[in-house]
Amino acid sequence: MKGIRRLTGLLLALVPALAGLAQADEGLAWQQQTDRWSVWQRLDKEALGETPQEGQTGEQGGALLVLFPGYSVQRSWAERWAEQLIASPVAGEVTETWVFAGPKSVFYENRELPITASLERLQQSRAFDRVIVVAHSSGSFPAHLWINQLASRAQLGERYRGRVDYANLDGGSGKGLEGGDLALGHAALALAGQWLSVSVHDRVTGSFSANHDAMIGLAKALPEVFTHRLLEVDSGCAANAGWCLHDVPINGRPHDQATFDLERDYTVFTSAHPVTTDWWPVPESE
């Protein structure tokens, strides 16, 4: 009997913990559009405006956050990252979030993401105050394609002129890649609000993230729109572990001190492994 009571007490003690775990695992209510794209919408109507622009239906206002994670990152992993960003104070204006899967190849040769479908949705949706595009690593290549195609659509290009903010998190420029559409084109530059090329410096080891030079080069190549932002951190990464520092714009304390661990760095966030928001593009009015 004592053994049964002890077991019952243990199970009762575990119930709250298991309930909390289930709640954390449930996350936000993502609407899967395709296997490589999902959408979350804030249901708090007070966060939205009420007067549609001419030719638009429904509410307007707030910000659209569009996330392009790095090579081979699963959409579900990127959703966990998005949830951390949405919950942070810097993202209070975000009323809708779109998350894509990472490219299937480093240089995005297959162009497999639903870029066209997502822009058609944007064209039919309410007007946002601004669009915040965030790309990590190889995700910068589909992000550039998305921005280029947004600019090529007359209605969208006019609506979001000067209202697209972009953070390139230790990614690339896309210049010289096959097709010529993975680098930002001239028309895309007219959309620029605050554009940041972001890399990382560990003040303990003196090491830089893997694509630090590329981020400096992007800002130098397009100084009229890009500002280079260097994150000064104490990351826990080993000396010269540039690929560990590569994940710092996602997770302030990457899980593998020697290199990246994409699944954990995108999905496991705690007080010891906080989401990074130091790169968040703040509107000039603020």
Protein backbone atom coordinates (compact mmCIF):
# COMPACT_ATOMS: atom_id res chain seq x y z
CA MET A 1 0.00 0.00 0.00
CA LYS A 2 2.80 2.40 0.82
CA GLY A 3 4.27 1.71 -2.61
CA ILE A 4 0.94 2.44 -4.31
CA ARG A 5 0.47 5.70 -2.36
CA ARG A 6 4.03 6.75 -3.20
CA LEU A 7 3.44 6.03 -6.91
CA THR A 8 0.10 7.88 -6.85
CA GLY A 9 1.74 10.90 -5.23
CA LEU A 10 4.47 10.88 -7.84
CA LEU A 11 1.96 10.79 -10.69
CA LEU A 12 -0.07 13.62 -9.17
CA ALA A 13 3.08 15.69 -8.84
CA LEU A 14 3.90 15.09 -12.50
CA VAL A 15 0.51 16.20 -13.83
CA PRO A 16 1.15 19.97 -13.65
CA ALA A 17 4.60 19.58 -15.17
CA LEU A 18 3.30 17.45 -18.03
CA ALA A 19 0.44 19.88 -18.64
CA GLY A 20 2.89 22.75 -18.82
CA LEU A 21 5.07 20.81 -21.25
CA ALA A 22 2.12 20.08 -23.49
CA GLN A 23 1.16 23.73 -23.47
CA ALA A 24 4.68 24.81 -24.41
CA ASP A 25 4.86 22.23 -27.19
CA GLU A 26 1.53 23.35 -28.61
CA GLY A 27 2.91 26.79 -29.52
CA LEU A 28 0.92 29.23 -31.62
CA ALA A 29 -1.88 28.36 -34.01
CA TRP A 30 0.05 28.18 -37.28
CA GLN A 31 -1.93 27.94 -40.51
CA GLN A 32 0.03 25.73 -42.90
CA GLN A 33 -0.21 27.09 -46.45
CA THR A 34 2.19 24.54 -47.98
CA ASP A 35 4.77 22.18 -46.51
CA ARG A 36 7.27 25.05 -46.80
CA TRP A 37 5.22 28.05 -45.66
CA SER A 38 2.98 28.79 -42.68
CA VAL A 39 1.13 31.82 -41.36
CA TRP A 40 0.20 33.14 -37.92
CA GLN A 41 -2.27 35.99 -37.40
CA ARG A 42 -2.85 37.98 -34.23
CA LEU A 43 -6.50 37.71 -33.23
CA ASP A 44 -6.48 40.83 -31.05
CA LYS A 45 -8.51 43.19 -33.22
CA GLU A 46 -7.47 46.17 -31.11
CA ALA A 47 -3.99 45.76 -32.60
CA LEU A 48 -5.40 46.36 -36.08
CA GLY A 49 -6.75 49.42 -37.84
CA GLU A 50 -10.27 49.39 -39.20
CA THR A 51 -10.29 51.45 -42.39
CA PRO A 52 -9.17 49.59 -45.53
CA GLN A 53 -7.28 51.41 -48.25
CA GLU A 54 -8.89 51.78 -51.64
CA GLY A 55 -9.05 48.41 -53.33
CA GLN A 56 -8.40 46.54 -50.06
CA THR A 57 -10.72 44.57 -47.86
CA GLY A 58 -10.71 44.02 -44.11
CA GLU A 59 -8.45 45.61 -41.52
CA GLN A 60 -5.11 47.31 -42.03
CA GLY A 61 -2.17 48.37 -39.89
CA GLY A 62 0.43 46.64 -37.81
CA ALA A 63 3.49 44.94 -39.24
CA LEU A 64 3.96 41.78 -41.28
CA LEU A 65 6.99 39.74 -40.19
CA VAL A 66 8.44 37.45 -42.89
CA LEU A 67 11.10 34.94 -41.83
CA PHE A 68 13.53 33.13 -44.13
CA PRO A 69 15.63 30.68 -42.08
CA GLY A 70 18.91 29.16 -43.23
CA TYR A 71 19.76 26.16 -45.37
CA SER A 72 17.99 22.91 -44.37
CA VAL A 73 16.05 24.47 -41.47
CA GLN A 74 12.66 22.83 -41.18
CA ARG A 75 9.59 25.03 -41.20
CA SER A 76 8.50 23.73 -37.80
CA TRP A 77 11.89 24.69 -36.32
CA ALA A 78 11.60 28.20 -37.71
CA GLU A 79 8.10 28.48 -36.21
CA ARG A 80 9.62 28.01 -32.74
CA TRP A 81 12.06 30.85 -33.49
CA ALA A 82 9.19 33.00 -34.73
CA GLU A 83 7.22 32.40 -31.53
CA GLN A 84 10.13 33.69 -29.46
CA LEU A 85 10.41 36.80 -31.63
CA ILE A 86 6.66 37.47 -31.55
CA ALA A 87 6.66 37.22 -27.75
CA SER A 88 9.52 39.70 -27.36
CA PRO A 89 8.83 43.39 -26.57
CA VAL A 90 10.39 44.58 -29.85
CA ALA A 91 7.71 42.79 -31.89
CA GLY A 92 4.62 44.28 -30.31
CA GLU A 93 3.46 45.80 -33.59
CA VAL A 94 3.58 42.46 -35.46
CA THR A 95 0.06 41.39 -36.37
CA GLU A 96 0.90 38.67 -38.88
CA THR A 97 3.93 36.39 -39.33
CA TRP A 98 4.94 34.26 -42.30
CA VAL A 99 7.52 31.52 -41.84
CA PHE A 100 9.22 29.70 -44.69
CA ALA A 101 11.37 26.58 -44.58
CA GLY A 102 15.07 27.00 -45.23
CA PRO A 103 16.42 26.44 -48.75
CA LYS A 104 17.03 22.83 -49.74
CA SER A 105 20.49 23.77 -51.02
CA VAL A 106 22.96 26.37 -49.81
CA PHE A 107 22.59 28.60 -52.88
CA TYR A 108 18.86 28.00 -53.40
CA GLU A 109 19.27 26.66 -56.93
CA ASN A 110 15.82 25.00 -57.04
CA ARG A 111 13.78 28.11 -56.15
CA GLU A 112 11.38 25.74 -54.35
CA LEU A 113 9.71 28.15 -51.91
CA PRO A 114 6.19 29.48 -52.69
CA ILE A 115 7.36 33.04 -53.36
CA THR A 116 4.70 33.82 -55.98
CA ALA A 117 1.85 32.42 -53.90
CA SER A 118 2.91 34.41 -50.85
CA LEU A 119 3.06 37.66 -52.81
CA GLU A 120 -0.37 37.00 -54.25
CA ARG A 121 -1.61 36.64 -50.68
CA LEU A 122 0.08 39.93 -49.76
CA GLN A 123 -1.54 41.68 -52.70
CA GLN A 124 -5.00 40.52 -51.60
CA SER A 125 -4.47 41.15 -47.88
CA ARG A 126 -5.00 44.26 -45.83
CA ALA A 127 -2.27 46.90 -46.02
CA PHE A 128 0.38 46.71 -43.31
CA ASP A 129 2.16 49.73 -41.88
CA ARG A 130 5.44 48.03 -42.70
CA VAL A 131 6.89 44.68 -43.72
CA ILE A 132 9.82 43.30 -41.73
CA VAL A 133 11.85 40.72 -43.65
CA VAL A 134 14.39 38.71 -41.64
CA ALA A 135 16.75 36.24 -43.28
CA HIS A 136 19.40 34.07 -41.67
CA SER A 137 22.33 32.58 -43.55
CA SER A 138 21.27 31.07 -46.92
CA GLY A 139 17.76 32.32 -46.26
CA SER A 140 19.01 35.66 -47.55
CA PHE A 141 18.84 34.31 -51.13
CA PRO A 142 15.08 33.55 -51.20
CA ALA A 143 14.55 36.73 -49.18
CA HIS A 144 16.18 38.75 -51.95
CA LEU A 145 14.06 36.97 -54.56
CA TRP A 146 10.94 37.76 -52.51
CA ILE A 147 11.84 41.45 -52.18
CA ASN A 148 12.72 41.68 -55.89
CA GLN A 149 9.39 40.17 -56.90
CA LEU A 150 7.49 42.38 -54.46
CA ALA A 151 9.10 45.41 -56.11
CA SER A 152 8.17 44.13 -59.58
CA ARG A 153 4.44 44.17 -58.76
CA ALA A 154 3.27 47.72 -59.38
CA GLN A 155 0.57 47.81 -56.70
CA LEU A 156 2.74 46.24 -54.02
CA GLY A 157 5.79 48.24 -55.01
CA GLU A 158 3.91 51.48 -54.63
CA ARG A 159 2.18 50.46 -51.41
CA TYR A 160 5.41 49.45 -49.66
CA ARG A 161 7.83 51.99 -51.08
CA GLY A 162 10.19 52.87 -48.23
CA ARG A 163 8.27 50.59 -45.85
CA VAL A 164 10.14 47.27 -46.12
CA ASP A 165 12.65 46.78 -43.32
CA TYR A 166 15.20 44.01 -43.79
CA ALA A 167 17.69 42.28 -41.50
CA ASN A 168 20.23 40.00 -43.20
CA LEU A 169 21.58 37.87 -40.35
CA ASP A 170 25.08 36.65 -41.26
CA GLY A 171 23.90 35.71 -44.74
CA GLY A 172 25.07 36.62 -48.23
CA SER A 173 24.54 39.16 -50.98
CA GLY A 174 23.49 36.72 -53.70
CA LYS A 175 25.71 38.55 -56.17
CA GLY A 176 27.10 36.28 -58.87
CA LEU A 177 24.71 33.41 -58.20
CA GLU A 178 23.05 31.65 -61.11
CA GLY A 179 19.94 33.37 -62.45
CA GLY A 180 20.85 36.86 -61.25
CA ASP A 181 17.65 37.11 -59.20
CA LEU A 182 19.07 36.23 -55.79
CA ALA A 183 20.83 39.57 -55.38
CA LEU A 184 18.82 42.68 -54.62
CA GLY A 185 17.88 44.50 -57.81
CA HIS A 186 17.59 48.22 -58.44
CA ALA A 187 13.80 48.28 -58.09
CA ALA A 188 14.03 46.56 -54.70
CA LEU A 189 16.13 49.37 -53.28
CA ALA A 190 13.17 51.75 -53.54
CA LEU A 191 11.37 49.64 -50.94
CA ALA A 192 14.11 50.09 -48.36
CA GLY A 193 13.23 51.33 -44.93
CA GLN A 194 15.91 50.26 -42.47
CA TRP A 195 18.14 47.58 -43.97
CA LEU A 196 20.78 45.91 -41.82
CA SER A 197 23.59 43.50 -42.59
CA VAL A 198 24.32 41.78 -39.30
CA SER A 199 27.39 39.87 -38.13
CA VAL A 200 28.79 38.86 -34.76
CA HIS A 201 31.97 39.54 -32.77
CA ASP A 202 32.71 37.59 -29.59
CA ARG A 203 34.42 40.01 -27.22
CA VAL A 204 35.85 37.13 -25.14
CA THR A 205 37.58 35.19 -27.93
CA GLY A 206 37.91 37.97 -30.50
CA SER A 207 36.30 35.71 -33.11
CA PHE A 208 33.81 36.72 -35.81
CA SER A 209 30.82 34.92 -37.29
CA ALA A 210 31.30 32.90 -40.47
CA ASN A 211 29.87 35.49 -42.87
CA HIS A 212 31.20 38.61 -41.17
CA ASP A 213 33.19 39.71 -44.23
CA ALA A 214 30.19 39.18 -46.50
CA MET A 215 28.04 41.38 -44.28
CA ILE A 216 30.62 44.16 -44.34
CA GLY A 217 30.86 43.77 -48.10
CA LEU A 218 27.10 44.05 -48.55
CA ALA A 219 26.96 47.31 -46.60
CA LYS A 220 29.88 48.70 -48.62
CA ALA A 221 28.32 47.66 -51.94
CA LEU A 222 24.94 49.26 -51.15
CA PRO A 223 25.72 52.04 -48.66
CA GLU A 224 22.64 54.00 -49.69
CA VAL A 225 20.37 51.39 -48.10
CA PHE A 226 22.43 49.07 -45.85
CA THR A 227 23.96 49.69 -42.45
CA HIS A 228 26.29 47.09 -41.00
CA ARG A 229 25.42 46.13 -37.44
CA LEU A 230 28.00 44.19 -35.44
CA LEU A 231 26.62 42.32 -32.44
CA GLU A 232 29.15 42.37 -29.59
CA VAL A 233 28.53 39.24 -27.52
CA ASP A 234 29.80 36.79 -24.95
CA SER A 235 28.41 33.74 -26.71
CA GLY A 236 30.16 30.82 -25.06
CA CYS A 237 31.46 29.78 -28.50
CA ALA A 238 34.99 28.45 -28.70
CA ALA A 239 37.77 30.55 -30.19
CA ASN A 240 37.56 30.74 -34.00
CA ALA A 241 34.22 28.91 -33.98
CA GLY A 242 32.71 31.08 -36.69
CA TRP A 243 29.88 28.66 -37.39
CA CYS A 244 28.85 28.68 -33.74
CA LEU A 245 28.77 32.49 -33.85
CA HIS A 246 26.80 32.19 -37.09
CA ASP A 247 23.77 31.12 -35.02
CA VAL A 248 24.06 33.90 -32.42
CA PRO A 249 21.60 36.17 -34.32
CA ILE A 250 19.04 33.40 -33.65
CA ASN A 251 20.10 32.09 -30.25
CA GLY A 252 22.26 34.25 -27.99
CA ARG A 253 23.99 31.20 -26.52
CA PRO A 254 24.29 28.51 -29.23
CA HIS A 255 24.05 24.92 -28.02
CA ASP A 256 27.27 23.63 -29.61
CA GLN A 257 30.35 25.66 -28.72
CA ALA A 258 32.24 24.42 -31.78
CA THR A 259 29.72 24.80 -34.61
CA PHE A 260 26.02 25.26 -35.40
CA ASP A 261 23.29 22.96 -34.14
CA LEU A 262 20.42 24.16 -36.26
CA GLU A 263 17.62 22.19 -34.69
CA ARG A 264 18.42 23.16 -31.10
CA ASP A 265 19.49 26.71 -31.89
CA TYR A 266 16.17 27.35 -33.66
CA THR A 267 13.94 25.52 -31.21
CA VAL A 268 15.40 25.40 -27.70
CA PHE A 269 15.19 28.79 -25.99
CA THR A 270 15.63 29.26 -22.25
CA SER A 271 17.02 31.95 -19.97
CA ALA A 272 20.43 30.42 -20.68
CA HIS A 273 19.75 30.33 -24.43
CA PRO A 274 17.74 33.51 -25.13
CA VAL A 275 16.38 34.56 -28.49
CA THR A 276 18.43 37.37 -30.04
CA THR A 277 16.62 40.59 -30.95
CA ASP A 278 19.48 43.12 -30.90
CA TRP A 279 19.29 43.32 -34.69
CA TRP A 280 15.58 44.17 -34.81
CA PRO A 281 15.01 47.08 -37.25
CA VAL A 282 13.43 49.86 -35.21
CA PRO A 283 11.42 52.46 -37.20
CA GLU A 284 13.16 55.82 -37.47
CA SER A 285 10.25 57.49 -35.68
CA GLU A 286 11.23 55.55 -32.56
